[in-house]
Protein backbone atom coordinates (compact mmCIF):
# COMPACT_ATOMS: atom_id res chain seq x y z
CA MET A 1 35.87 8.89 44.78
CA SER A 2 35.73 6.41 41.90
CA ALA A 3 38.59 6.40 39.43
CA PHE A 4 36.05 7.04 36.69
CA ARG A 5 34.61 10.17 38.29
CA THR A 6 36.31 13.38 37.22
CA GLU A 7 37.66 15.66 39.92
CA CYS A 8 35.49 18.56 38.82
CA GLY A 9 32.94 19.58 36.24
CA GLY A 10 29.50 18.32 35.36
CA ARG A 11 26.13 19.32 36.76
CA VAL A 12 26.13 16.81 39.62
CA ASP A 13 26.24 17.95 43.26
CA ARG A 14 29.53 16.61 44.57
CA SER A 15 28.64 17.59 48.13
CA ARG A 16 25.70 15.14 48.20
CA LYS A 17 26.67 11.49 48.01
CA LEU A 18 23.89 8.99 47.41
CA HIS A 19 23.93 5.28 48.18
CA PHE A 20 22.18 2.78 45.93
CA SER A 21 22.24 -0.92 45.12
CA PHE A 22 22.34 -2.82 41.85
CA ASP A 23 21.71 -6.56 41.92
CA GLY A 24 22.30 -6.51 45.66
CA ASP A 25 25.72 -4.83 45.53
CA GLU A 26 26.08 -1.45 47.23
CA PHE A 27 27.47 1.54 45.33
CA GLU A 28 27.83 5.30 45.70
CA GLY A 29 26.78 8.08 43.35
CA LEU A 30 26.10 11.80 43.42
CA ALA A 31 22.96 13.91 43.41
CA GLY A 32 22.16 14.64 39.78
CA ASP A 33 23.30 11.23 38.53
CA THR A 34 21.15 8.81 36.63
CA LEU A 35 21.45 5.13 37.46
CA ALA A 36 23.43 4.69 34.22
CA SER A 37 25.95 7.44 35.00
CA ALA A 38 26.37 6.16 38.56
CA LEU A 39 27.04 2.63 37.31
CA LEU A 40 29.60 3.89 34.81
CA ALA A 41 31.23 5.96 37.55
CA ASN A 42 31.71 2.70 39.43
CA GLY A 43 33.22 0.99 36.38
CA ILE A 44 30.15 -1.13 35.57
CA HIS A 45 29.22 -1.57 31.90
CA LEU A 46 27.32 -4.88 31.95
CA ALA A 47 23.69 -3.93 32.58
CA GLY A 48 21.54 -6.69 31.10
CA ARG A 49 21.13 -9.62 28.77
CA SER A 50 19.58 -9.87 25.33
CA PHE A 51 16.13 -11.38 25.05
CA LYS A 52 16.64 -14.53 22.98
CA TYR A 53 20.28 -15.52 23.29
CA HIS A 54 21.06 -13.81 26.63
CA ARG A 55 24.16 -12.13 25.24
CA PRO A 56 25.74 -9.45 27.48
CA ARG A 57 24.41 -5.94 26.93
CA GLY A 58 25.85 -2.63 28.12
CA ILE A 59 24.92 1.04 28.31
CA VAL A 60 24.89 2.50 24.80
CA THR A 61 23.32 5.94 25.11
CA ALA A 62 22.62 8.60 27.71
CA GLY A 63 18.92 9.22 27.08
CA ALA A 64 15.49 7.89 26.21
CA GLU A 65 16.81 6.04 23.16
CA GLU A 66 18.69 3.50 25.33
CA PRO A 67 18.00 -0.03 23.93
CA ASN A 68 19.97 -2.23 26.31
CA ALA A 69 20.15 -1.08 29.93
CA LEU A 70 16.62 -2.03 31.00
CA VAL A 71 16.33 -2.46 34.77
CA ALA A 72 13.69 -2.94 37.44
CA VAL A 73 13.42 -0.53 40.38
CA TRP A 74 12.18 -1.99 43.66
CA ARG A 75 10.65 -0.04 46.53
CA ASP A 76 8.54 -2.82 48.04
CA ALA A 77 6.55 -5.83 46.83
CA ALA A 78 3.76 -3.64 45.46
CA ARG A 79 5.95 -0.84 44.08
CA TYR A 80 8.13 -2.80 41.71
CA THR A 81 8.58 -1.24 38.26
CA PRO A 82 10.24 -3.32 35.51
CA ASN A 83 11.73 -2.30 32.17
CA LEU A 84 12.94 1.18 33.07
CA ARG A 85 15.85 2.63 31.13
CA ALA A 86 18.80 3.11 33.45
CA THR A 87 19.60 6.28 31.52
CA GLN A 88 16.29 7.79 32.66
CA VAL A 89 16.19 6.57 36.27
CA GLU A 90 17.18 9.50 38.48
CA LEU A 91 19.39 8.46 41.37
CA TYR A 92 18.10 8.95 44.90
CA GLU A 93 19.24 7.81 48.34
CA GLY A 94 18.53 4.12 48.84
CA LEU A 95 17.52 3.35 45.26
CA SER A 96 17.35 -0.40 44.71
CA ALA A 97 17.62 -1.63 41.11
CA GLU A 98 18.16 -5.00 39.54
CA SER A 99 18.98 -6.33 36.10
CA GLN A 100 16.54 -8.50 34.15
CA ASN A 101 16.36 -11.55 31.93
CA ARG A 102 19.10 -13.53 33.67
CA TRP A 103 19.40 -16.45 36.07
CA PRO A 104 20.95 -17.01 38.53
CA SER A 105 22.92 -13.78 38.13
CA LEU A 106 23.85 -11.14 35.58
CA GLY A 107 27.47 -12.22 35.42
CA PHE A 108 26.68 -15.96 35.25
CA ASP A 109 23.52 -16.50 33.24
CA LEU A 110 22.56 -20.05 32.33
CA GLY A 111 20.39 -18.65 29.56
CA ARG A 112 23.63 -17.98 27.70
CA LEU A 113 23.38 -21.61 26.59
CA ASN A 114 20.97 -20.32 23.94
CA ASP A 115 23.80 -18.32 22.42
CA TRP A 116 26.09 -21.32 22.22
CA LEU A 117 23.27 -23.37 20.68
CA SER A 118 22.18 -20.58 18.33
CA PRO A 119 23.16 -22.53 15.16
CA LEU A 120 20.30 -24.87 16.07
CA PHE A 121 17.82 -21.96 16.35
CA PRO A 122 17.49 -20.41 12.88
CA ALA A 123 14.70 -17.92 12.24
CA GLY A 124 11.34 -19.69 12.31
CA PHE A 125 12.68 -22.95 13.73
CA TYR A 126 9.88 -23.07 16.31
CA TYR A 127 7.15 -23.29 13.65
CA LYS A 128 8.34 -26.80 12.86
CA THR A 129 9.97 -27.85 16.13
CA PHE A 130 7.00 -27.23 18.43
CA MET A 131 4.42 -29.06 16.29
CA TRP A 132 5.52 -32.52 17.27
CA PRO A 133 4.54 -34.45 19.25
CA ARG A 134 1.12 -32.78 19.49
CA ALA A 135 0.64 -33.60 23.19
CA ALA A 136 3.91 -31.84 24.10
CA TRP A 137 2.55 -28.39 23.21
CA ALA A 138 0.31 -27.98 26.25
CA ALA A 139 2.50 -29.95 28.63
CA ILE A 140 6.00 -28.74 27.69
CA TYR A 141 6.35 -26.22 24.86
CA GLU A 142 3.78 -23.57 25.82
CA PRO A 143 4.76 -23.39 29.54
CA MET A 144 8.42 -23.19 28.56
CA ILE A 145 7.82 -20.39 26.01
CA ARG A 146 5.64 -18.42 28.42
CA ALA A 147 8.28 -18.71 31.15
CA ALA A 148 10.98 -17.43 28.79
CA ALA A 149 8.92 -14.59 27.30
CA GLY A 150 9.21 -11.01 28.48
CA LEU A 151 12.04 -9.19 30.20
CA GLY A 152 10.79 -7.96 33.56
CA ARG A 153 8.32 -9.50 35.99
CA ALA A 154 5.04 -7.93 37.02
CA PRO A 155 4.56 -6.82 40.66
CA ALA A 156 2.74 -9.32 42.82
CA LEU A 157 0.47 -6.86 44.65
CA PRO A 158 -1.91 -4.08 43.56
CA ASP A 159 -0.38 -0.67 42.88
CA PRO A 160 -0.94 1.48 46.00
CA ASP A 161 -0.18 4.84 44.33
CA ARG A 162 -2.61 7.31 42.77
CA TYR A 163 -2.75 8.67 39.22
CA GLU A 164 -4.47 11.72 37.80
CA ASN A 165 -5.94 12.78 34.47
CA ARG A 166 -6.19 16.45 33.43
CA PHE A 167 -7.43 18.35 30.38
CA ALA A 168 -5.93 21.72 29.44
CA HIS A 169 -5.54 24.23 26.60
CA CYS A 170 -2.76 26.53 25.45
CA ASP A 171 -1.79 28.65 22.49
CA VAL A 172 1.62 27.08 21.93
CA LEU A 173 2.89 23.75 23.24
CA VAL A 174 6.64 23.20 22.89
CA VAL A 175 7.99 19.66 23.22
CA GLY A 176 11.66 19.68 24.16
CA SER A 177 13.68 22.18 26.19
CA GLY A 178 16.93 22.28 24.26
CA PRO A 179 18.12 25.54 22.68
CA ALA A 180 15.47 25.40 19.95
CA GLY A 181 12.66 24.65 22.40
CA LEU A 182 13.69 27.36 24.83
CA ALA A 183 14.01 29.93 22.04
CA ALA A 184 10.57 28.97 20.70
CA ALA A 185 8.97 29.25 24.14
CA LEU A 186 10.58 32.64 24.78
CA ALA A 187 9.46 34.00 21.41
CA ALA A 188 5.91 32.72 21.81
CA ALA A 189 5.58 34.07 25.35
CA ASP A 190 6.89 37.47 24.28
CA SER A 191 4.21 37.60 21.58
CA GLY A 192 1.47 37.24 24.19
CA ALA A 193 0.72 33.54 23.75
CA ARG A 194 -0.03 31.10 26.55
CA VAL A 195 2.86 28.64 26.41
CA VAL A 196 3.47 25.17 27.79
CA LEU A 197 7.02 23.82 27.61
CA CYS A 198 7.56 20.14 28.46
CA ASP A 199 10.68 18.01 28.65
CA GLU A 200 11.18 14.39 29.69
CA GLN A 201 14.23 15.13 31.85
CA GLY A 202 14.29 16.43 35.39
CA GLU A 203 16.20 19.54 34.36
CA LEU A 204 15.44 21.84 31.45
CA GLY A 205 18.16 22.36 28.86
CA GLY A 206 18.27 19.34 26.59
CA SER A 207 21.60 19.06 24.78
CA LEU A 208 22.90 22.19 26.53
CA LEU A 209 23.16 20.24 29.80
CA GLY A 210 26.18 18.44 28.39
CA GLU A 211 27.67 21.29 26.35
CA VAL A 212 30.53 23.47 27.58
CA GLN A 213 31.94 25.05 24.42
CA ALA A 214 28.89 26.31 22.51
CA ARG A 215 27.90 29.97 22.48
CA ILE A 216 24.39 31.34 21.92
CA ASP A 217 23.74 35.01 21.25
CA GLY A 218 27.37 35.69 22.08
CA VAL A 219 27.30 34.15 25.58
CA GLU A 220 28.33 30.78 26.97
CA ALA A 221 25.70 28.09 26.52
CA ALA A 222 25.40 27.49 30.27
CA ASP A 223 24.82 31.19 30.95
CA TRP A 224 22.26 31.45 28.15
CA LEU A 225 20.47 28.39 29.50
CA ALA A 226 20.31 29.71 33.06
CA ARG A 227 19.08 33.10 31.88
CA SER A 228 16.43 31.65 29.57
CA VAL A 229 15.04 29.25 32.17
CA ALA A 230 14.91 32.04 34.76
CA VAL A 231 12.91 34.23 32.36
CA LEU A 232 10.46 31.41 31.60
CA ILE A 233 9.97 30.56 35.28
CA ARG A 234 8.98 34.14 36.04
CA HIS A 235 6.80 34.58 32.97
CA PRO A 236 3.08 34.63 33.89
CA ARG A 237 1.97 33.02 30.60
CA VAL A 238 4.37 30.08 30.67
CA ARG A 239 3.92 26.68 32.31
CA LEU A 240 6.99 24.46 32.59
CA LEU A 241 6.56 20.70 32.86
CA SER A 242 9.73 18.77 33.60
CA ARG A 243 9.86 14.96 33.83
CA THR A 244 7.06 15.01 31.27
CA THR A 245 7.08 12.86 28.15
CA ALA A 246 4.99 13.69 25.09
CA PHE A 247 3.82 10.28 23.90
CA GLY A 248 1.11 11.02 21.36
CA TYR A 249 0.25 13.62 18.71
CA PHE A 250 -3.41 13.23 17.79
CA PRO A 251 -5.76 15.05 15.36
CA HIS A 252 -6.49 18.75 15.85
CA ASN A 253 -3.29 19.34 17.85
CA ALA A 254 -4.25 17.10 20.75
CA ILE A 255 -1.10 16.11 22.63
CA GLY A 256 -0.80 13.40 25.28
CA LEU A 257 1.74 14.05 28.06
CA ASN A 258 2.85 11.81 30.90
CA GLU A 259 4.20 13.71 33.93
CA ARG A 260 6.17 11.74 36.53
CA LEU A 261 5.77 13.31 39.95
CA SER A 262 7.42 11.11 42.57
CA ASP A 263 9.61 8.42 40.99
CA HIS A 264 12.69 10.55 41.66
CA LEU A 265 11.96 10.95 45.38
CA ALA A 266 13.65 8.78 47.98
CA ASP A 267 10.84 9.14 50.52
CA ALA A 268 7.80 9.01 48.23
CA PRO A 269 4.99 7.97 50.61
CA VAL A 270 2.61 5.18 49.66
CA GLY A 271 -0.58 6.51 48.14
CA GLN A 272 0.97 9.73 46.84
CA LEU A 273 0.10 11.02 43.39
CA ARG A 274 2.71 9.30 41.21
CA GLU A 275 1.90 10.29 37.62
CA ARG A 276 -0.35 12.72 35.83
CA LEU A 277 -1.80 12.27 32.36
CA TRP A 278 -2.21 15.58 30.55
CA GLN A 279 -4.44 15.89 27.50
CA PHE A 280 -3.57 19.23 25.94
CA ARG A 281 -5.32 20.93 23.04
CA ALA A 282 -2.97 23.52 21.51
CA ARG A 283 -3.40 26.09 18.75
CA GLU A 284 0.17 25.47 17.62
CA VAL A 285 2.65 22.71 18.44
CA VAL A 286 6.44 23.04 18.23
CA LEU A 287 8.38 19.77 18.18
CA ALA A 288 11.90 20.60 19.33
CA THR A 289 12.95 17.12 20.35
CA GLY A 290 16.45 17.26 18.90
CA ALA A 291 18.24 14.44 17.10
CA ILE A 292 19.28 10.93 18.03
CA GLU A 293 22.76 9.80 17.07
CA ARG A 294 22.77 6.88 14.67
CA PRO A 295 25.12 4.06 15.67
CA LEU A 296 27.45 2.36 13.24
CA VAL A 297 26.49 -1.18 12.34
CA PHE A 298 29.08 -3.92 12.86
CA PRO A 299 29.15 -7.32 14.60
CA GLY A 300 29.09 -6.93 18.37
CA ASN A 301 28.20 -3.23 18.34
CA ASP A 302 25.85 -3.63 21.31
CA ARG A 303 28.19 -5.45 23.67
CA PRO A 304 29.27 -3.87 26.98
CA GLY A 305 31.92 -1.24 26.34
CA ILE A 306 30.45 0.02 23.05
CA MET A 307 28.92 3.48 23.36
CA LEU A 308 27.81 6.34 21.16
CA ALA A 309 30.26 9.23 21.01
CA GLY A 310 27.55 11.69 22.01
CA ALA A 311 26.72 9.59 25.06
CA ALA A 312 30.37 9.44 26.11
CA ARG A 313 30.53 13.25 25.89
CA THR A 314 27.29 13.61 27.85
CA TYR A 315 28.51 11.39 30.66
CA LEU A 316 31.73 13.35 30.78
CA ARG A 317 30.35 16.90 30.54
CA ARG A 318 27.04 16.55 32.35
CA TYR A 319 27.77 13.87 34.93
CA GLY A 320 31.53 14.15 35.35
CA VAL A 321 32.04 10.48 34.48
CA ARG A 322 34.73 8.92 32.30
CA ALA A 323 33.07 5.98 30.56
CA GLY A 324 36.36 4.08 30.55
CA SER A 325 40.13 4.40 30.70
CA ARG A 326 41.02 3.69 27.05
CA ALA A 327 38.97 4.09 23.90
CA VAL A 328 38.88 3.34 20.21
CA VAL A 329 36.75 5.81 18.24
CA VAL A 330 35.04 4.45 15.13
CA THR A 331 33.50 7.16 12.98
CA SER A 332 32.14 8.27 9.66
CA ASN A 333 31.99 12.05 10.36
CA ASP A 334 34.02 14.88 11.86
CA SER A 335 32.22 15.10 15.21
CA ALA A 336 34.14 12.09 16.49
CA TYR A 337 37.39 14.09 16.53
CA GLN A 338 35.91 16.64 18.91
CA ALA A 339 34.64 13.80 21.11
CA ALA A 340 38.10 12.20 21.05
CA LEU A 341 39.76 15.48 22.03
CA GLU A 342 37.42 16.01 24.97
CA LEU A 343 37.81 12.45 26.19
CA ARG A 344 41.58 12.67 25.94
CA GLU A 345 41.60 15.94 27.87
CA ALA A 346 39.64 14.15 30.61
CA GLY A 347 42.33 11.49 30.93
CA ILE A 348 40.98 8.76 28.64
CA GLU A 349 43.65 7.25 26.41
CA ILE A 350 42.57 7.38 22.76
CA ALA A 351 44.22 4.31 21.29
CA ALA A 352 43.02 4.92 17.72
CA ILE A 353 40.45 6.62 15.53
CA ALA A 354 39.07 4.33 12.83
CA ASP A 355 37.64 6.65 10.18
CA LEU A 356 35.48 4.86 7.63
CA ARG A 357 35.66 7.70 5.09
CA GLU A 358 38.07 7.88 2.20
CA ARG A 359 38.85 11.52 2.97
CA ALA A 360 38.47 13.46 6.23
CA ASP A 361 39.45 17.12 6.46
CA GLY A 362 37.43 18.39 9.44
CA ALA A 363 38.75 21.25 11.56
CA CYS A 364 39.19 19.03 14.63
CA ARG A 365 41.08 16.38 12.72
CA GLY A 366 44.23 18.45 12.53
CA ARG A 367 44.32 18.67 16.34
CA ARG A 368 43.73 14.98 16.98
CA ARG A 369 47.28 13.80 17.88
CA VAL A 370 45.97 10.23 18.13
CA PRO A 371 46.57 7.17 15.93
CA GLU A 372 44.21 6.93 12.98
CA SER A 373 43.12 4.08 10.74
CA ARG A 374 41.65 4.72 7.33
CA SER A 375 41.19 2.78 4.13
CA SER A 376 39.94 3.60 0.65
CA SER A 377 37.61 0.61 0.25
CA PRO A 378 34.37 0.14 2.21
CA GLN A 379 35.26 -3.49 2.90
CA SER A 380 38.61 -2.55 4.39
CA CYS A 381 37.02 0.27 6.36
CA THR A 382 34.59 -2.16 7.93
CA ALA A 383 37.47 -4.46 8.75
CA HIS A 384 39.30 -1.59 10.43
CA ALA A 385 36.23 -0.76 12.49
CA GLU A 386 35.65 -4.34 13.58
CA ALA A 387 39.32 -4.84 14.42
CA SER A 388 39.38 -1.67 16.49
CA VAL A 389 36.28 -2.68 18.39
CA SER A 390 37.78 -6.10 19.04
CA VAL A 391 40.86 -4.43 20.51
CA ALA A 392 38.73 -2.30 22.79
CA LEU A 393 36.72 -5.25 24.06
CA ASN A 394 39.76 -7.41 24.69
CA TRP A 395 41.55 -5.00 27.00
CA ALA A 396 41.21 -6.67 30.37
CA ALA A 397 43.32 -4.58 32.76
CA GLU A 398 40.81 -1.71 33.08
CA PRO A 399 37.36 -0.92 31.68
CA SER A 400 37.70 0.34 28.14
CA ILE A 401 35.25 1.60 25.57
CA ALA A 402 34.82 1.60 21.83
CA ILE A 403 32.87 4.60 20.65
CA SER A 404 30.86 4.69 17.45
CA CYS A 405 29.81 7.96 15.90
């Protein structure tokens, strides 16, 4: 077992080991992992390169908001899908993924020359540079720009899979299966309404899938989740759609849904129904999509090893993965102290907490028992944050993380 996989906990199936490859290297994960959690469990943070300057990019989040870890999944020449978020790719036996926007390899990318030459590429430089000489546009400039544009490459052969389009109606359509979405679906179903509950993940539960301390209606969150899902599954007026993304809210409560049917299967046969487009017309729509954590802004905040605190907790609690061995927590609110406590309990050394606020009196702060940096001026606070991140990135002995919150 990897040093970054916890000995117990999480919602992964530790009895089912799955083998996958990333950029040709073979790795091992567990059933229930995403590609992102499996990579982190193997100590891999570098997942891609930035578009223009080819700077190294790592896994930042644990969900659909992931901006950096864009990968391509390869089944065969015709079933090659680029630009998938590693945080959403469900691991299966034999999965083959590769990074994008690099040559000849992710670790040694010649495109990084653009970063070193970046002082020569100010914003808008191409409007003047590529106008002279005129004959060079068609012969040199345009082919070069087209070759550099885009992140992934398109498959070379026609898509052999099938896709379906359906129209449907319901009384209440709930988008999101976290605690709010589940409660809304239960209440609507109990009132006699026809309910559709959709969620983009393969398992219903939303934020509760990575929560171990919350209580709902006086019971543990995990127990409440299991009970609620069981009730909804048995309810005759409820339809549950997992792996289904709501992508459009149109006039008169028309909702567009994309249901993924076979991308998570290891043995998906060619020609099988792969995706289904739902066009729902609902009397009422409940958007229970939760919140996205806002990252702190500082130079280098998207380099490998920088991760949102909520993502670090999710990888730990849901997937049983320690995102690193040592961490610096940079924060502007009290939730970071709870994240630091949980990470420390899992064996991650908390080197420091850089708190950007002038005063912090949260309940968790008194239990922190970790070094803390704080300053009264915003300029000094920013300096503390940047210095702490620099420390995290410069540890070379073992993978380390700097967490923003």
